[in-house]
N, C-alpha and C. Protein backbone atom coordinates (compact mmCIF):
# COMPACT_ATOMS: atom_id res chain seq x y z
N UNK A 1 91.64 66.89 107.99
CA UNK A 1 92.05 67.96 107.09
C UNK A 1 90.81 68.52 106.39
N UNK A 2 90.77 69.82 106.22
CA UNK A 2 89.67 70.49 105.56
C UNK A 2 89.86 70.38 104.05
N UNK A 3 88.83 69.94 103.35
CA UNK A 3 88.93 69.81 101.90
C UNK A 3 88.64 71.16 101.24
N UNK A 4 89.01 71.26 99.98
CA UNK A 4 88.75 72.47 99.19
C UNK A 4 87.26 72.76 99.14
N UNK A 5 86.43 71.74 98.94
CA UNK A 5 84.98 71.93 98.87
C UNK A 5 84.40 72.37 100.21
N UNK A 6 84.87 71.79 101.31
CA UNK A 6 84.40 72.20 102.64
C UNK A 6 84.74 73.67 102.89
N UNK A 7 85.96 74.04 102.56
CA UNK A 7 86.40 75.41 102.78
C UNK A 7 85.59 76.38 101.92
N UNK A 8 85.40 76.04 100.65
CA UNK A 8 84.63 76.90 99.75
C UNK A 8 83.21 77.09 100.25
N UNK A 9 82.56 76.02 100.69
CA UNK A 9 81.19 76.10 101.20
C UNK A 9 81.12 76.96 102.46
N UNK A 10 82.06 76.77 103.35
CA UNK A 10 82.08 77.57 104.57
C UNK A 10 82.31 79.05 104.26
N UNK A 11 83.24 79.35 103.35
CA UNK A 11 83.53 80.74 103.00
C UNK A 11 82.37 81.40 102.27
N UNK A 12 81.54 80.61 101.60
CA UNK A 12 80.41 81.18 100.85
C UNK A 12 79.38 81.82 101.76
N UNK A 13 79.45 81.52 103.05
CA UNK A 13 78.50 82.09 103.99
C UNK A 13 78.95 83.45 104.52
N UNK A 14 80.07 83.91 104.03
CA UNK A 14 80.55 85.25 104.36
C UNK A 14 80.21 86.17 103.20
N UNK A 15 79.24 87.05 103.39
CA UNK A 15 78.83 87.97 102.33
C UNK A 15 79.92 89.00 102.08
N UNK A 16 80.20 89.25 100.81
CA UNK A 16 81.22 90.23 100.45
C UNK A 16 80.68 91.18 99.40
N UNK A 17 81.32 92.31 99.31
CA UNK A 17 81.08 93.19 98.18
C UNK A 17 81.80 92.64 96.97
N UNK A 18 81.53 93.22 95.82
CA UNK A 18 82.16 92.75 94.59
C UNK A 18 82.95 93.90 93.98
N UNK A 19 84.16 93.60 93.57
CA UNK A 19 85.02 94.59 92.94
C UNK A 19 85.49 94.06 91.58
N UNK A 20 85.97 94.96 90.78
CA UNK A 20 86.69 94.61 89.57
C UNK A 20 88.08 95.22 89.70
N UNK A 21 89.08 94.34 89.66
CA UNK A 21 90.47 94.77 89.71
C UNK A 21 90.88 95.13 88.29
N UNK A 22 91.44 96.30 88.09
CA UNK A 22 91.90 96.72 86.78
C UNK A 22 93.39 96.98 86.79
N UNK A 23 94.01 96.71 85.66
CA UNK A 23 95.43 96.98 85.48
C UNK A 23 95.68 97.06 83.99
N UNK A 24 96.93 97.05 83.59
CA UNK A 24 97.28 97.13 82.18
C UNK A 24 97.94 95.83 81.74
N UNK A 25 97.59 95.36 80.52
CA UNK A 25 98.21 94.14 80.01
C UNK A 25 99.58 94.45 79.43
N UNK A 26 100.19 93.47 78.80
CA UNK A 26 101.55 93.63 78.28
C UNK A 26 101.64 94.65 77.14
N UNK A 27 100.49 95.03 76.56
CA UNK A 27 100.47 96.02 75.49
C UNK A 27 99.97 97.38 75.99
N UNK A 28 99.81 97.53 77.30
CA UNK A 28 99.33 98.78 77.87
C UNK A 28 97.84 98.99 77.73
N UNK A 29 97.11 97.90 77.43
CA UNK A 29 95.66 97.96 77.28
C UNK A 29 94.98 97.57 78.58
N UNK A 30 93.76 98.05 78.84
CA UNK A 30 93.05 97.71 80.08
C UNK A 30 92.78 96.22 80.20
N UNK A 31 92.92 95.73 81.39
CA UNK A 31 92.59 94.35 81.73
C UNK A 31 91.83 94.39 83.05
N UNK A 32 90.84 93.52 83.19
CA UNK A 32 90.01 93.53 84.40
C UNK A 32 89.65 92.12 84.85
N UNK A 33 89.42 91.98 86.16
CA UNK A 33 89.04 90.71 86.77
C UNK A 33 88.14 90.98 87.97
N UNK A 34 87.04 90.25 88.06
CA UNK A 34 86.16 90.35 89.22
C UNK A 34 86.85 89.72 90.43
N UNK A 35 86.71 90.37 91.58
CA UNK A 35 87.33 89.85 92.80
C UNK A 35 86.51 90.28 94.01
N UNK A 36 86.46 89.40 95.00
CA UNK A 36 85.85 89.79 96.27
C UNK A 36 86.85 89.68 97.42
N UNK A 37 88.08 89.32 97.10
CA UNK A 37 89.13 89.27 98.13
C UNK A 37 89.81 90.63 98.20
N UNK A 38 89.14 91.55 98.87
CA UNK A 38 89.59 92.94 98.97
C UNK A 38 89.26 93.45 100.36
N UNK A 39 90.19 94.15 100.97
CA UNK A 39 89.93 94.75 102.28
C UNK A 39 90.88 95.91 102.52
N UNK A 40 90.48 96.79 103.42
CA UNK A 40 91.38 97.86 103.84
C UNK A 40 92.35 97.27 104.86
N UNK A 41 93.55 97.83 104.91
CA UNK A 41 94.58 97.35 105.83
C UNK A 41 94.89 98.42 106.87
N UNK A 42 95.16 99.65 106.43
CA UNK A 42 95.45 100.73 107.37
C UNK A 42 95.11 102.07 106.75
N UNK A 43 95.02 103.09 107.61
CA UNK A 43 94.67 104.44 107.17
C UNK A 43 95.88 105.31 106.88
N UNK A 44 96.97 105.11 107.61
CA UNK A 44 98.16 105.93 107.43
C UNK A 44 99.38 105.05 107.26
N UNK A 45 99.89 104.88 106.06
CA UNK A 45 99.31 105.37 104.82
C UNK A 45 98.08 104.54 104.44
N UNK A 46 97.24 105.05 103.54
CA UNK A 46 96.07 104.28 103.13
C UNK A 46 96.51 103.07 102.30
N UNK A 47 96.21 101.87 102.81
CA UNK A 47 96.64 100.64 102.15
C UNK A 47 95.47 99.67 102.09
N UNK A 48 95.34 99.00 100.93
CA UNK A 48 94.34 97.95 100.74
C UNK A 48 95.05 96.66 100.36
N UNK A 49 94.29 95.58 100.41
CA UNK A 49 94.83 94.25 100.12
C UNK A 49 93.93 93.56 99.11
N UNK A 50 94.54 92.91 98.13
CA UNK A 50 93.81 92.02 97.22
C UNK A 50 94.59 90.72 97.12
N UNK A 51 93.89 89.65 96.77
CA UNK A 51 94.52 88.36 96.54
C UNK A 51 94.24 87.95 95.10
N UNK A 52 95.28 87.55 94.38
CA UNK A 52 95.14 87.21 92.97
C UNK A 52 95.75 85.83 92.72
N UNK A 53 94.96 84.94 92.11
CA UNK A 53 95.43 83.59 91.79
C UNK A 53 96.52 83.64 90.73
N UNK A 54 97.51 82.79 90.88
CA UNK A 54 98.60 82.73 89.92
C UNK A 54 98.15 82.23 88.55
N UNK A 55 97.02 81.57 88.50
CA UNK A 55 96.50 81.02 87.23
C UNK A 55 95.80 82.07 86.38
N UNK A 56 95.65 83.30 86.88
CA UNK A 56 94.93 84.34 86.13
C UNK A 56 95.87 85.20 85.31
N UNK A 57 95.32 85.83 84.28
CA UNK A 57 96.08 86.82 83.52
C UNK A 57 96.41 88.01 84.41
N UNK A 58 95.49 88.36 85.30
CA UNK A 58 95.66 89.52 86.17
C UNK A 58 96.95 89.43 86.96
N UNK A 59 97.27 88.24 87.43
CA UNK A 59 98.48 88.06 88.24
C UNK A 59 99.72 88.56 87.49
N UNK A 60 99.91 88.08 86.26
CA UNK A 60 101.13 88.49 85.54
C UNK A 60 101.10 89.98 85.18
N UNK A 61 99.90 90.52 84.95
CA UNK A 61 99.81 91.93 84.58
C UNK A 61 100.09 92.84 85.78
N UNK A 62 99.56 92.51 86.95
CA UNK A 62 99.84 93.32 88.15
C UNK A 62 101.32 93.22 88.50
N UNK A 63 101.87 92.01 88.37
CA UNK A 63 103.31 91.83 88.64
C UNK A 63 104.14 92.77 87.78
N UNK A 64 103.81 92.85 86.50
CA UNK A 64 104.59 93.68 85.57
C UNK A 64 104.31 95.17 85.76
N UNK A 65 103.04 95.54 85.88
CA UNK A 65 102.67 96.96 85.96
C UNK A 65 103.03 97.58 87.31
N UNK A 66 102.93 96.79 88.38
CA UNK A 66 103.21 97.33 89.71
C UNK A 66 102.14 98.26 90.23
N UNK A 67 100.98 98.23 89.59
CA UNK A 67 99.86 99.07 90.03
C UNK A 67 98.56 98.39 89.62
N UNK A 68 97.50 98.77 90.34
CA UNK A 68 96.19 98.19 90.06
C UNK A 68 95.12 99.13 90.57
N UNK A 69 93.91 98.92 90.06
CA UNK A 69 92.76 99.68 90.52
C UNK A 69 91.73 98.74 91.11
N UNK A 70 90.99 99.23 92.08
CA UNK A 70 89.87 98.50 92.66
C UNK A 70 88.63 99.33 92.35
N UNK A 71 87.67 98.73 91.66
CA UNK A 71 86.42 99.36 91.29
C UNK A 71 85.31 98.66 92.05
N UNK A 72 84.66 99.34 92.97
CA UNK A 72 83.59 98.76 93.78
C UNK A 72 82.29 98.85 92.98
N UNK A 73 81.64 97.69 92.78
CA UNK A 73 80.46 97.63 91.93
C UNK A 73 79.16 97.85 92.69
N UNK A 74 78.23 98.50 92.01
CA UNK A 74 76.86 98.65 92.51
C UNK A 74 75.99 97.56 91.92
N UNK A 75 74.78 97.41 92.47
CA UNK A 75 73.87 96.35 92.02
C UNK A 75 73.58 96.41 90.53
N UNK A 76 73.57 97.59 89.96
CA UNK A 76 73.28 97.69 88.53
C UNK A 76 74.44 97.25 87.65
N UNK A 77 75.55 96.82 88.26
CA UNK A 77 76.71 96.38 87.50
C UNK A 77 76.94 94.87 87.58
N UNK A 78 75.89 94.13 87.90
CA UNK A 78 76.03 92.67 88.00
C UNK A 78 76.55 92.07 86.69
N UNK A 79 76.05 92.53 85.55
CA UNK A 79 76.48 91.99 84.26
C UNK A 79 77.99 92.17 84.08
N UNK A 80 78.53 93.30 84.54
CA UNK A 80 79.97 93.51 84.46
C UNK A 80 80.71 92.58 85.41
N UNK A 81 80.15 92.38 86.61
CA UNK A 81 80.76 91.45 87.56
C UNK A 81 80.83 90.04 87.00
N UNK A 82 79.75 89.60 86.37
CA UNK A 82 79.71 88.26 85.76
C UNK A 82 80.72 88.18 84.61
N UNK A 83 80.72 89.18 83.77
CA UNK A 83 81.59 89.21 82.59
C UNK A 83 83.06 89.12 82.98
N UNK A 84 83.49 89.95 83.92
CA UNK A 84 84.91 89.98 84.29
C UNK A 84 85.31 88.83 85.21
N UNK A 85 84.34 88.03 85.66
CA UNK A 85 84.66 86.83 86.44
C UNK A 85 85.12 85.69 85.53
N UNK A 86 84.86 85.82 84.24
CA UNK A 86 85.25 84.80 83.26
C UNK A 86 86.67 85.04 82.79
N UNK A 87 87.31 83.98 82.34
CA UNK A 87 88.62 84.12 81.70
C UNK A 87 88.44 84.97 80.44
N UNK A 88 89.43 85.77 80.06
CA UNK A 88 89.27 86.62 78.88
C UNK A 88 88.80 85.86 77.63
N UNK A 89 89.27 84.65 77.41
CA UNK A 89 88.87 83.87 76.22
C UNK A 89 87.39 83.49 76.25
N UNK A 90 86.79 83.49 77.43
CA UNK A 90 85.39 83.08 77.58
C UNK A 90 84.43 84.26 77.69
N UNK A 91 84.92 85.46 77.51
CA UNK A 91 84.08 86.66 77.63
C UNK A 91 83.38 86.96 76.30
N UNK A 92 82.14 86.52 76.23
CA UNK A 92 81.34 86.74 75.03
C UNK A 92 80.06 87.45 75.42
N UNK A 93 79.44 88.10 74.47
CA UNK A 93 78.17 88.77 74.74
C UNK A 93 78.31 90.27 74.76
N UNK A 94 77.17 90.89 74.85
CA UNK A 94 77.11 92.35 74.84
C UNK A 94 77.04 92.89 76.25
N UNK A 95 78.18 93.12 76.85
CA UNK A 95 78.23 93.73 78.18
C UNK A 95 78.76 95.15 78.00
N UNK A 96 77.99 96.10 78.47
CA UNK A 96 78.33 97.50 78.30
C UNK A 96 79.29 97.94 79.41
N UNK A 97 80.47 98.39 79.04
CA UNK A 97 81.42 98.96 79.99
C UNK A 97 82.38 99.88 79.24
N UNK A 98 82.88 100.86 79.97
CA UNK A 98 83.86 101.79 79.44
C UNK A 98 84.89 102.07 80.53
N UNK A 99 86.07 102.47 80.09
CA UNK A 99 87.12 102.84 81.02
C UNK A 99 87.46 104.32 80.88
N UNK A 100 87.77 104.94 81.99
CA UNK A 100 88.46 106.22 82.02
C UNK A 100 89.88 105.87 82.46
N UNK A 101 90.71 106.87 82.68
CA UNK A 101 92.08 106.61 83.10
C UNK A 101 92.37 107.41 84.36
N UNK A 102 93.00 106.75 85.33
CA UNK A 102 93.37 107.43 86.58
C UNK A 102 94.58 108.32 86.34
N UNK A 103 94.94 109.07 87.35
CA UNK A 103 96.12 109.94 87.27
C UNK A 103 97.39 109.15 86.99
N UNK A 104 97.44 107.87 87.44
CA UNK A 104 98.61 107.01 87.23
C UNK A 104 98.45 106.09 86.03
N UNK A 105 97.42 106.33 85.21
CA UNK A 105 97.24 105.53 84.01
C UNK A 105 96.51 104.21 84.21
N UNK A 106 95.93 104.01 85.38
CA UNK A 106 95.21 102.78 85.68
C UNK A 106 93.79 102.88 85.11
N UNK A 107 93.29 101.81 84.49
CA UNK A 107 91.92 101.84 83.99
C UNK A 107 90.91 101.99 85.14
N UNK A 108 89.95 102.90 84.95
CA UNK A 108 88.88 103.13 85.91
C UNK A 108 87.59 102.67 85.24
N UNK A 109 86.92 101.69 85.81
CA UNK A 109 85.67 101.18 85.24
C UNK A 109 84.58 102.22 85.50
N UNK A 110 84.10 102.83 84.42
CA UNK A 110 83.09 103.88 84.56
C UNK A 110 81.81 103.32 85.15
N UNK A 111 81.17 104.10 86.02
CA UNK A 111 79.94 103.70 86.67
C UNK A 111 80.13 103.02 88.01
N UNK A 112 81.39 102.75 88.37
CA UNK A 112 81.65 102.12 89.67
C UNK A 112 81.30 103.06 90.81
N UNK A 113 80.95 102.49 91.96
CA UNK A 113 80.63 103.30 93.13
C UNK A 113 81.85 104.05 93.65
N UNK A 114 83.00 103.36 93.65
CA UNK A 114 84.25 103.94 94.14
C UNK A 114 85.40 103.30 93.39
N UNK A 115 86.45 104.07 93.19
CA UNK A 115 87.68 103.58 92.57
C UNK A 115 88.84 103.90 93.49
N UNK A 116 89.72 102.91 93.69
CA UNK A 116 90.96 103.10 94.44
C UNK A 116 92.11 102.82 93.47
N UNK A 117 92.94 103.81 93.21
CA UNK A 117 94.14 103.61 92.39
C UNK A 117 95.31 103.30 93.29
N UNK A 118 95.97 102.17 93.07
CA UNK A 118 96.97 101.67 94.01
C UNK A 118 98.32 101.37 93.36
N UNK A 119 99.36 101.66 94.10
CA UNK A 119 100.73 101.28 93.75
C UNK A 119 101.11 100.09 94.63
N UNK A 120 101.64 99.02 94.02
CA UNK A 120 102.02 97.84 94.81
C UNK A 120 103.08 98.25 95.81
N UNK A 121 102.79 97.98 97.07
CA UNK A 121 103.68 98.32 98.18
C UNK A 121 104.47 97.11 98.63
N UNK A 122 103.79 95.95 98.64
CA UNK A 122 104.40 94.72 99.12
C UNK A 122 103.61 93.54 98.60
N UNK A 123 104.25 92.39 98.55
CA UNK A 123 103.58 91.16 98.12
C UNK A 123 103.94 90.03 99.05
N UNK A 124 103.06 89.03 99.09
CA UNK A 124 103.32 87.82 99.86
C UNK A 124 102.68 86.65 99.12
N UNK A 125 103.48 85.67 98.77
CA UNK A 125 102.96 84.47 98.11
C UNK A 125 102.43 83.53 99.16
N UNK A 126 101.21 83.06 98.94
CA UNK A 126 100.59 82.10 99.85
C UNK A 126 99.84 81.08 99.00
N UNK A 127 100.38 79.86 98.93
CA UNK A 127 99.76 78.83 98.12
C UNK A 127 99.73 79.23 96.66
N UNK A 128 98.54 79.17 96.05
CA UNK A 128 98.40 79.47 94.63
C UNK A 128 97.99 80.92 94.36
N UNK A 129 98.14 81.79 95.36
CA UNK A 129 97.78 83.21 95.22
C UNK A 129 98.94 84.11 95.67
N UNK A 130 98.90 85.34 95.20
CA UNK A 130 99.78 86.37 95.75
C UNK A 130 98.89 87.41 96.40
N UNK A 131 99.27 87.79 97.59
CA UNK A 131 98.59 88.85 98.33
C UNK A 131 99.33 90.14 97.99
N UNK A 132 98.58 91.09 97.45
CA UNK A 132 99.15 92.40 97.11
C UNK A 132 98.68 93.43 98.11
N UNK A 133 99.62 94.16 98.68
CA UNK A 133 99.32 95.33 99.48
C UNK A 133 99.54 96.52 98.57
N UNK A 134 98.50 97.33 98.42
CA UNK A 134 98.60 98.48 97.54
C UNK A 134 98.38 99.77 98.29
N UNK A 135 99.33 100.70 98.15
CA UNK A 135 99.13 102.02 98.73
C UNK A 135 98.19 102.80 97.83
N UNK A 136 97.12 103.31 98.43
CA UNK A 136 96.11 104.03 97.67
C UNK A 136 96.64 105.42 97.34
N UNK A 137 96.77 105.69 96.04
CA UNK A 137 97.29 106.98 95.56
C UNK A 137 96.18 107.89 95.07
N UNK A 138 95.01 107.29 94.78
CA UNK A 138 93.90 108.07 94.25
C UNK A 138 92.59 107.40 94.63
N UNK A 139 91.60 108.21 94.96
CA UNK A 139 90.25 107.72 95.22
C UNK A 139 89.29 108.56 94.38
N UNK A 140 88.37 107.87 93.71
CA UNK A 140 87.32 108.56 92.97
C UNK A 140 85.98 108.04 93.47
N UNK A 141 85.14 108.95 93.87
CA UNK A 141 83.80 108.60 94.32
C UNK A 141 82.87 108.66 93.12
N UNK A 142 82.19 107.57 92.85
CA UNK A 142 81.24 107.52 91.75
C UNK A 142 79.83 107.69 92.26
N UNK A 143 78.92 107.04 91.58
CA UNK A 143 77.52 107.14 91.95
C UNK A 143 77.25 106.45 93.29
N UNK A 144 76.33 107.01 94.05
CA UNK A 144 75.91 106.42 95.30
C UNK A 144 74.81 105.42 94.98
N UNK A 145 75.05 104.15 95.22
CA UNK A 145 74.11 103.10 94.84
C UNK A 145 74.13 101.99 95.88
N UNK A 146 73.22 101.05 95.74
CA UNK A 146 73.25 99.86 96.57
C UNK A 146 74.40 98.98 96.07
N UNK A 147 75.16 98.36 96.98
CA UNK A 147 76.31 97.57 96.55
C UNK A 147 75.90 96.23 95.93
N UNK A 148 76.73 95.77 95.01
CA UNK A 148 76.59 94.41 94.50
C UNK A 148 77.27 93.50 95.50
N UNK A 149 76.59 92.45 95.90
CA UNK A 149 77.11 91.53 96.91
C UNK A 149 77.22 90.12 96.35
N UNK A 150 78.03 89.31 97.02
CA UNK A 150 78.18 87.89 96.68
C UNK A 150 78.01 87.10 97.97
N UNK A 151 77.09 86.14 97.95
CA UNK A 151 76.77 85.37 99.15
C UNK A 151 76.28 83.99 98.74
N UNK A 152 76.78 82.96 99.41
CA UNK A 152 76.44 81.56 99.10
C UNK A 152 76.68 81.24 97.62
N UNK A 153 77.80 81.73 97.14
CA UNK A 153 78.26 81.47 95.77
C UNK A 153 77.30 81.98 94.70
N UNK A 154 76.60 83.06 95.01
CA UNK A 154 75.70 83.66 94.01
C UNK A 154 75.64 85.17 94.24
N UNK A 155 75.16 85.88 93.24
CA UNK A 155 74.96 87.32 93.35
C UNK A 155 73.83 87.54 94.35
N UNK A 156 74.00 88.53 95.19
CA UNK A 156 73.06 88.75 96.30
C UNK A 156 72.67 90.23 96.30
N UNK A 157 71.37 90.46 96.39
CA UNK A 157 70.83 91.81 96.38
C UNK A 157 70.03 92.04 97.68
N UNK A 158 70.72 92.42 98.75
CA UNK A 158 70.03 92.55 100.04
C UNK A 158 68.89 93.57 100.02
N UNK A 159 68.98 94.59 99.18
CA UNK A 159 67.91 95.59 99.11
C UNK A 159 66.64 94.99 98.54
N UNK A 160 66.76 93.91 97.77
CA UNK A 160 65.61 93.27 97.14
C UNK A 160 65.14 92.03 97.87
N UNK A 161 65.88 91.61 98.88
CA UNK A 161 65.54 90.36 99.60
C UNK A 161 64.48 90.62 100.65
């Protein structure tokens, strides 16, 4: 049987981009979480997939709101990626970020390379995560930059390597 540590180490060798998933909390305020479990699913209709752990605040907020945003981060947004990877209670320090609002009221992390505004289309529970399929209702192109990457369990800057 494959252990959790073996699986994590093996998966760390797959380089991914870094996103921040945004949605609204129970008071209609912006909530965000760093995620790298994001991929496109199909073009017609445009659908993306994210995986969210049941232990996160994001899980209950996406469940209730029925919509989410994907903000693709550039290398200059590493501090935001680190910040939103922490549980909300552990987010301390001076990290500069601002939100705009999408056409559907989803928080858009300003400065992101790309934003996808999504309506939950379908869900599938698998272990301790829910897989969300989101139909993309809005795309915003931000600044053209080098992507922020995650590789071997650390932030990775291929342009600087």
